[in-house]
């Protein structure tokens, strides 16, 4: 007869706590990123995020080319968890800046631009009145 006794900091409890932390962040619209790029974890660890403690531990947001990454400390402060969200979901597009819905690149309006323009794919954010004029004009 084998008796399985779980200590408060036993492996089973740690796993439950980590899963609860991951579910809590995912409920805020972030996707768990199980195999993050090395640069994300290296920067997060150099910022000391792995010394935190889960829900009350530090968390930070890092910006990649097309995604925003949230890094949170693991429950027991030995590692970090990385979550991602497309920039188009993270930033609200305005007349001055935002994320191109076509190629997902973050764009800013330059002084020489008449409209917010993605200089990668050519998409433009135009006011509704201007778009209607172009359609029916």
N, C-alpha and C. Protein backbone atom coordinates (compact mmCIF):
# COMPACT_ATOMS: atom_id res chain seq x y z
N UNK A 1 0.85 -1.17 0.00
CA UNK A 1 0.00 0.00 0.00
C UNK A 1 0.89 1.24 0.00
N UNK A 2 0.67 2.12 -0.99
CA UNK A 2 1.43 3.34 -1.10
C UNK A 2 0.54 4.51 -0.71
N UNK A 3 1.04 5.34 0.18
CA UNK A 3 0.29 6.52 0.61
C UNK A 3 0.97 7.74 0.01
N UNK A 4 0.20 8.52 -0.72
CA UNK A 4 0.75 9.72 -1.36
C UNK A 4 0.39 10.92 -0.48
N UNK A 5 1.37 11.46 0.17
CA UNK A 5 1.15 12.62 1.03
C UNK A 5 1.78 13.83 0.34
N UNK A 6 0.99 14.87 0.16
CA UNK A 6 1.49 16.09 -0.48
C UNK A 6 1.84 17.10 0.61
N UNK A 7 3.07 17.49 0.62
CA UNK A 7 3.51 18.53 1.55
C UNK A 7 3.10 19.88 0.96
N UNK A 8 2.97 20.92 1.77
CA UNK A 8 2.53 22.22 1.27
C UNK A 8 3.37 22.74 0.10
N UNK A 9 4.66 22.49 0.10
CA UNK A 9 5.50 22.92 -1.01
C UNK A 9 5.90 21.75 -1.89
N UNK A 10 5.13 20.68 -1.84
CA UNK A 10 5.42 19.53 -2.66
C UNK A 10 5.21 19.83 -4.13
N UNK A 11 5.67 18.92 -4.96
CA UNK A 11 5.61 19.13 -6.41
C UNK A 11 4.17 19.36 -6.90
N UNK A 12 3.22 18.60 -6.40
CA UNK A 12 1.83 18.75 -6.83
C UNK A 12 1.27 20.12 -6.53
N UNK A 13 1.58 20.64 -5.37
CA UNK A 13 1.10 21.97 -4.98
C UNK A 13 1.74 23.04 -5.85
N UNK A 14 3.02 22.92 -6.12
CA UNK A 14 3.70 23.89 -6.99
C UNK A 14 3.06 23.93 -8.36
N UNK A 15 2.78 22.75 -8.92
CA UNK A 15 2.18 22.67 -10.24
C UNK A 15 0.80 23.34 -10.26
N UNK A 16 0.00 23.08 -9.22
CA UNK A 16 -1.33 23.71 -9.13
C UNK A 16 -1.20 25.23 -9.07
N UNK A 17 -0.27 25.73 -8.27
CA UNK A 17 -0.08 27.17 -8.13
C UNK A 17 0.39 27.81 -9.44
N UNK A 18 1.29 27.14 -10.14
CA UNK A 18 1.77 27.66 -11.42
C UNK A 18 0.63 27.70 -12.43
N UNK A 19 -0.19 26.65 -12.48
CA UNK A 19 -1.32 26.61 -13.39
C UNK A 19 -2.32 27.71 -13.07
N UNK A 20 -2.55 27.97 -11.79
CA UNK A 20 -3.46 29.03 -11.38
C UNK A 20 -2.93 30.40 -11.82
N UNK A 21 -1.63 30.62 -11.69
CA UNK A 21 -1.01 31.87 -12.12
C UNK A 21 -1.16 32.03 -13.63
N UNK A 22 -0.87 30.99 -14.38
CA UNK A 22 -0.98 31.05 -15.84
C UNK A 22 -2.42 31.31 -16.26
N UNK A 23 -3.38 30.65 -15.66
CA UNK A 23 -4.79 30.87 -15.99
C UNK A 23 -5.22 32.28 -15.69
N UNK A 24 -4.72 32.85 -14.59
CA UNK A 24 -5.09 34.23 -14.21
C UNK A 24 -4.60 35.23 -15.26
N UNK A 25 -3.39 35.06 -15.76
CA UNK A 25 -2.87 35.98 -16.76
C UNK A 25 -3.56 35.75 -18.10
N UNK A 26 -3.84 34.49 -18.44
CA UNK A 26 -4.55 34.19 -19.69
C UNK A 26 -5.96 34.78 -19.68
N UNK A 27 -6.58 34.86 -18.51
CA UNK A 27 -7.93 35.42 -18.44
C UNK A 27 -7.95 36.90 -18.77
N UNK A 28 -6.79 37.54 -18.75
CA UNK A 28 -6.68 38.95 -19.11
C UNK A 28 -6.36 39.13 -20.60
N UNK A 29 -6.43 38.03 -21.37
CA UNK A 29 -6.25 38.12 -22.82
C UNK A 29 -4.84 37.83 -23.32
N UNK A 30 -3.96 37.37 -22.45
CA UNK A 30 -2.59 37.03 -22.86
C UNK A 30 -2.52 35.55 -23.18
N UNK A 31 -1.69 35.17 -24.15
CA UNK A 31 -1.48 33.76 -24.50
C UNK A 31 -0.18 33.28 -23.89
N UNK A 32 -0.26 32.14 -23.22
CA UNK A 32 0.95 31.56 -22.63
C UNK A 32 1.92 31.18 -23.75
N UNK A 33 3.17 31.54 -23.57
CA UNK A 33 4.21 31.31 -24.58
C UNK A 33 5.21 30.32 -23.98
N UNK A 34 5.00 29.02 -24.16
CA UNK A 34 5.78 28.01 -23.43
C UNK A 34 7.27 27.96 -23.81
N UNK A 35 7.62 28.29 -25.06
CA UNK A 35 9.02 28.26 -25.48
C UNK A 35 9.44 29.62 -26.01
N UNK A 36 9.61 30.59 -25.11
CA UNK A 36 9.91 31.96 -25.57
C UNK A 36 11.30 32.08 -26.16
N UNK A 37 11.47 33.12 -26.98
CA UNK A 37 12.79 33.42 -27.53
C UNK A 37 13.75 33.72 -26.39
N UNK A 38 15.01 33.38 -26.60
CA UNK A 38 16.02 33.58 -25.55
C UNK A 38 16.13 35.02 -25.10
N UNK A 39 15.99 35.98 -26.03
CA UNK A 39 16.17 37.38 -25.66
C UNK A 39 15.17 37.83 -24.60
N UNK A 40 13.95 37.27 -24.65
CA UNK A 40 12.92 37.68 -23.69
C UNK A 40 13.30 37.23 -22.29
N UNK A 41 13.65 35.96 -22.15
CA UNK A 41 13.99 35.46 -20.81
C UNK A 41 15.29 36.06 -20.30
N UNK A 42 16.25 36.31 -21.19
CA UNK A 42 17.51 36.92 -20.75
C UNK A 42 17.30 38.33 -20.23
N UNK A 43 16.50 39.11 -20.95
CA UNK A 43 16.23 40.48 -20.50
C UNK A 43 15.44 40.46 -19.20
N UNK A 44 14.45 39.59 -19.10
CA UNK A 44 13.64 39.50 -17.89
C UNK A 44 14.48 39.09 -16.69
N UNK A 45 15.38 38.14 -16.88
CA UNK A 45 16.22 37.72 -15.77
C UNK A 45 17.24 38.79 -15.40
N UNK A 46 17.74 39.53 -16.40
CA UNK A 46 18.66 40.63 -16.06
C UNK A 46 17.92 41.75 -15.32
N UNK A 47 16.60 41.86 -15.55
CA UNK A 47 15.78 42.82 -14.81
C UNK A 47 15.39 42.29 -13.43
N UNK A 48 15.71 41.03 -13.13
CA UNK A 48 15.46 40.44 -11.82
C UNK A 48 14.05 39.91 -11.61
N UNK A 49 13.31 39.68 -12.69
CA UNK A 49 11.93 39.21 -12.54
C UNK A 49 11.84 37.81 -11.95
N UNK A 50 12.86 37.00 -12.12
CA UNK A 50 12.80 35.63 -11.61
C UNK A 50 12.98 35.57 -10.09
N UNK A 51 13.24 36.71 -9.44
CA UNK A 51 13.37 36.73 -7.99
C UNK A 51 12.05 37.03 -7.30
N UNK A 52 10.98 37.22 -8.04
CA UNK A 52 9.69 37.55 -7.46
C UNK A 52 8.99 36.32 -6.92
N UNK A 53 7.71 36.48 -6.66
CA UNK A 53 6.93 35.36 -6.14
C UNK A 53 5.52 35.41 -6.68
N UNK A 54 5.33 34.96 -7.91
CA UNK A 54 4.00 34.77 -8.48
C UNK A 54 3.11 35.98 -8.56
N UNK A 55 1.91 35.86 -7.97
CA UNK A 55 0.89 36.90 -8.09
C UNK A 55 1.36 38.25 -7.59
N UNK A 56 2.12 38.27 -6.51
CA UNK A 56 2.59 39.54 -5.97
C UNK A 56 3.98 39.91 -6.47
N UNK A 57 4.57 39.05 -7.27
CA UNK A 57 5.91 39.29 -7.80
C UNK A 57 5.89 40.30 -8.92
N UNK A 58 7.07 40.71 -9.34
CA UNK A 58 7.14 41.70 -10.42
C UNK A 58 6.70 41.12 -11.75
N UNK A 59 6.26 42.00 -12.61
CA UNK A 59 5.96 41.62 -13.98
C UNK A 59 6.34 42.79 -14.87
N UNK A 60 6.70 42.49 -16.09
CA UNK A 60 7.14 43.53 -16.99
C UNK A 60 6.65 43.22 -18.40
N UNK A 61 6.54 44.27 -19.21
CA UNK A 61 6.09 44.13 -20.59
C UNK A 61 7.25 44.50 -21.50
N UNK A 62 7.52 43.66 -22.49
CA UNK A 62 8.59 43.88 -23.46
C UNK A 62 7.99 43.90 -24.86
N UNK A 63 8.51 44.76 -25.71
CA UNK A 63 7.96 44.92 -27.06
C UNK A 63 8.87 44.28 -28.09
N UNK A 64 8.30 43.32 -28.83
CA UNK A 64 9.00 42.71 -29.96
C UNK A 64 8.58 43.40 -31.23
N UNK A 65 8.88 42.81 -32.38
CA UNK A 65 8.51 43.42 -33.65
C UNK A 65 7.00 43.42 -33.86
N UNK A 66 6.36 42.29 -33.65
CA UNK A 66 4.92 42.17 -33.91
C UNK A 66 4.11 41.81 -32.68
N UNK A 67 4.78 41.44 -31.60
CA UNK A 67 4.08 41.02 -30.40
C UNK A 67 4.59 41.80 -29.19
N UNK A 68 3.73 41.86 -28.18
CA UNK A 68 4.09 42.41 -26.88
C UNK A 68 4.15 41.21 -25.95
N UNK A 69 5.17 41.17 -25.10
CA UNK A 69 5.37 40.03 -24.21
C UNK A 69 5.27 40.49 -22.76
N UNK A 70 4.46 39.78 -21.98
CA UNK A 70 4.40 40.03 -20.54
C UNK A 70 5.15 38.90 -19.86
N UNK A 71 6.07 39.27 -18.99
CA UNK A 71 6.85 38.28 -18.27
C UNK A 71 6.52 38.43 -16.79
N UNK A 72 6.14 37.32 -16.16
CA UNK A 72 5.83 37.31 -14.73
C UNK A 72 6.71 36.27 -14.04
N UNK A 73 6.96 36.51 -12.79
CA UNK A 73 7.74 35.57 -11.99
C UNK A 73 6.93 34.31 -11.74
N UNK A 74 7.62 33.19 -11.66
CA UNK A 74 6.93 31.96 -11.29
C UNK A 74 6.49 32.06 -9.83
N UNK A 75 5.63 31.15 -9.42
CA UNK A 75 5.07 31.20 -8.07
C UNK A 75 6.15 31.14 -7.00
N UNK A 76 7.17 30.33 -7.22
CA UNK A 76 8.21 30.17 -6.19
C UNK A 76 9.48 30.96 -6.49
N UNK A 77 9.41 31.86 -7.47
CA UNK A 77 10.51 32.76 -7.73
C UNK A 77 11.77 32.12 -8.27
N UNK A 78 11.64 31.01 -8.96
CA UNK A 78 12.83 30.36 -9.51
C UNK A 78 12.93 30.50 -11.02
N UNK A 79 11.87 30.99 -11.64
CA UNK A 79 11.80 31.04 -13.10
C UNK A 79 10.84 32.16 -13.49
N UNK A 80 10.61 32.31 -14.79
CA UNK A 80 9.63 33.28 -15.28
C UNK A 80 8.68 32.59 -16.25
N UNK A 81 7.50 33.16 -16.39
CA UNK A 81 6.53 32.73 -17.39
C UNK A 81 6.36 33.86 -18.39
N UNK A 82 6.29 33.50 -19.67
CA UNK A 82 6.17 34.51 -20.72
C UNK A 82 4.82 34.34 -21.41
N UNK A 83 4.14 35.47 -21.62
CA UNK A 83 2.86 35.51 -22.30
C UNK A 83 2.98 36.48 -23.46
N UNK A 84 2.18 36.29 -24.49
CA UNK A 84 2.28 37.17 -25.66
C UNK A 84 0.90 37.64 -26.08
N UNK A 85 0.92 38.76 -26.81
CA UNK A 85 -0.30 39.33 -27.37
C UNK A 85 0.10 40.09 -28.62
N UNK A 86 -0.62 39.94 -29.72
CA UNK A 86 -0.28 40.73 -30.91
C UNK A 86 -0.37 42.23 -30.61
N UNK A 87 0.51 43.00 -31.21
CA UNK A 87 0.48 44.44 -30.98
C UNK A 87 -0.85 45.06 -31.37
N UNK A 88 -1.51 44.47 -32.37
CA UNK A 88 -2.80 45.01 -32.80
C UNK A 88 -3.86 44.89 -31.71
N UNK A 89 -3.70 43.95 -30.79
CA UNK A 89 -4.63 43.81 -29.67
C UNK A 89 -4.19 44.63 -28.47
N UNK A 90 -2.91 44.92 -28.38
CA UNK A 90 -2.37 45.63 -27.22
C UNK A 90 -2.53 47.14 -27.36
N UNK A 91 -2.27 47.66 -28.55
CA UNK A 91 -2.36 49.10 -28.79
C UNK A 91 -3.65 49.44 -29.49
N UNK A 92 -4.26 50.53 -29.08
CA UNK A 92 -5.43 51.04 -29.79
C UNK A 92 -4.93 51.98 -30.88
N UNK A 93 -5.39 51.78 -32.09
CA UNK A 93 -4.94 52.60 -33.20
C UNK A 93 -5.65 53.94 -33.18
N UNK A 94 -4.86 55.02 -33.24
CA UNK A 94 -5.39 56.37 -33.28
C UNK A 94 -4.85 57.05 -34.54
N UNK A 95 -5.14 58.31 -34.72
CA UNK A 95 -4.63 59.04 -35.88
C UNK A 95 -3.12 59.26 -35.78
N UNK A 96 -2.58 59.19 -34.59
CA UNK A 96 -1.15 59.47 -34.38
C UNK A 96 -0.27 58.22 -34.34
N UNK A 97 -0.80 57.10 -33.82
CA UNK A 97 0.00 55.89 -33.71
C UNK A 97 -0.91 54.69 -33.52
N UNK A 98 -0.33 53.53 -33.68
CA UNK A 98 -1.09 52.30 -33.48
C UNK A 98 -0.43 51.13 -34.17
N UNK A 99 -1.21 50.09 -34.42
CA UNK A 99 -0.70 48.89 -35.05
C UNK A 99 -1.41 48.68 -36.37
N UNK A 100 -0.64 48.41 -37.38
CA UNK A 100 -1.18 48.17 -38.72
C UNK A 100 -2.00 46.88 -38.69
N UNK A 101 -3.28 46.93 -39.07
CA UNK A 101 -4.08 45.70 -39.07
C UNK A 101 -3.69 44.75 -40.20
N UNK A 102 -2.94 45.25 -41.15
CA UNK A 102 -2.54 44.44 -42.30
C UNK A 102 -1.30 43.59 -41.99
N UNK A 103 -0.24 44.21 -41.48
CA UNK A 103 1.01 43.46 -41.25
C UNK A 103 1.40 43.39 -39.78
N UNK A 104 0.59 43.95 -38.89
CA UNK A 104 0.79 43.88 -37.45
C UNK A 104 1.99 44.69 -36.94
N UNK A 105 2.59 45.53 -37.76
CA UNK A 105 3.71 46.36 -37.33
C UNK A 105 3.20 47.57 -36.57
N UNK A 106 3.95 48.00 -35.58
CA UNK A 106 3.61 49.21 -34.85
C UNK A 106 4.01 50.41 -35.71
N UNK A 107 3.11 51.36 -35.89
CA UNK A 107 3.37 52.51 -36.75
C UNK A 107 3.11 53.82 -36.01
N UNK A 108 3.87 54.84 -36.39
CA UNK A 108 3.69 56.20 -35.88
C UNK A 108 3.51 57.13 -37.07
N UNK A 109 2.80 58.19 -36.85
CA UNK A 109 2.59 59.18 -37.90
C UNK A 109 3.75 60.16 -37.89
N UNK A 110 4.42 60.27 -39.01
CA UNK A 110 5.52 61.23 -39.15
C UNK A 110 4.98 62.56 -39.65
N UNK A 111 5.76 63.62 -39.46
CA UNK A 111 5.32 64.96 -39.85
C UNK A 111 4.99 65.05 -41.33
N UNK A 112 5.73 64.34 -42.17
CA UNK A 112 5.49 64.41 -43.61
C UNK A 112 4.31 63.54 -44.07
N UNK A 113 3.72 62.76 -43.19
CA UNK A 113 2.58 61.91 -43.53
C UNK A 113 1.27 62.69 -43.39
N UNK A 114 0.41 62.59 -44.42
CA UNK A 114 -0.92 63.18 -44.32
C UNK A 114 -1.80 62.37 -43.38
N UNK A 115 -1.60 61.05 -43.36
CA UNK A 115 -2.36 60.13 -42.53
C UNK A 115 -1.40 59.19 -41.83
N UNK A 116 -1.90 58.51 -40.82
CA UNK A 116 -1.11 57.45 -40.20
C UNK A 116 -0.87 56.39 -41.26
N UNK A 117 0.39 56.14 -41.59
CA UNK A 117 0.74 55.27 -42.70
C UNK A 117 1.73 54.20 -42.25
N UNK A 118 1.47 52.97 -42.63
CA UNK A 118 2.43 51.90 -42.39
C UNK A 118 3.44 51.96 -43.53
N UNK A 119 4.67 52.26 -43.20
CA UNK A 119 5.70 52.38 -44.23
C UNK A 119 6.25 51.03 -44.65
N UNK A 120 5.70 49.97 -44.06
CA UNK A 120 6.10 48.62 -44.46
C UNK A 120 5.20 48.08 -45.57
N UNK A 121 3.87 48.20 -45.38
CA UNK A 121 2.95 47.61 -46.35
C UNK A 121 2.07 48.64 -47.07
N UNK A 122 2.05 49.90 -46.61
CA UNK A 122 1.29 50.94 -47.29
C UNK A 122 -0.10 51.21 -46.74
N UNK A 123 -0.55 50.48 -45.74
CA UNK A 123 -1.86 50.71 -45.15
C UNK A 123 -1.94 52.12 -44.59
N UNK A 124 -3.13 52.76 -44.70
CA UNK A 124 -3.32 54.10 -44.15
C UNK A 124 -4.57 54.15 -43.29
N UNK A 125 -4.46 54.87 -42.19
CA UNK A 125 -5.60 55.12 -41.32
C UNK A 125 -6.16 56.48 -41.71
N UNK A 126 -7.34 56.48 -42.33
CA UNK A 126 -7.96 57.72 -42.76
C UNK A 126 -9.26 57.91 -41.98
N UNK A 127 -9.62 59.16 -41.71
CA UNK A 127 -10.91 59.42 -41.06
C UNK A 127 -12.05 58.90 -41.92
N UNK A 128 -13.17 58.54 -41.30
CA UNK A 128 -14.32 57.96 -42.01
C UNK A 128 -14.79 58.88 -43.14
N UNK A 129 -14.85 60.17 -42.90
CA UNK A 129 -15.30 61.12 -43.92
C UNK A 129 -14.42 61.03 -45.17
N UNK A 130 -13.12 60.93 -44.95
CA UNK A 130 -12.17 60.82 -46.07
C UNK A 130 -12.35 59.51 -46.84
N UNK A 131 -12.60 58.43 -46.11
CA UNK A 131 -12.80 57.14 -46.76
C UNK A 131 -14.08 57.13 -47.60
N UNK A 132 -15.15 57.73 -47.07
CA UNK A 132 -16.40 57.81 -47.82
C UNK A 132 -16.25 58.66 -49.07
N UNK A 133 -15.49 59.75 -48.96
CA UNK A 133 -15.24 60.60 -50.11
C UNK A 133 -14.50 59.82 -51.20
N UNK A 134 -13.54 59.02 -50.81
CA UNK A 134 -12.79 58.21 -51.77
C UNK A 134 -13.67 57.17 -52.45
N UNK A 135 -14.64 56.61 -51.70
CA UNK A 135 -15.52 55.59 -52.26
C UNK A 135 -16.57 56.16 -53.20
N UNK A 136 -17.19 57.26 -52.78
CA UNK A 136 -18.32 57.80 -53.53
C UNK A 136 -17.99 59.09 -54.28
N UNK A 137 -16.77 59.59 -54.16
CA UNK A 137 -16.35 60.88 -54.62
C UNK A 137 -16.31 61.16 -56.03
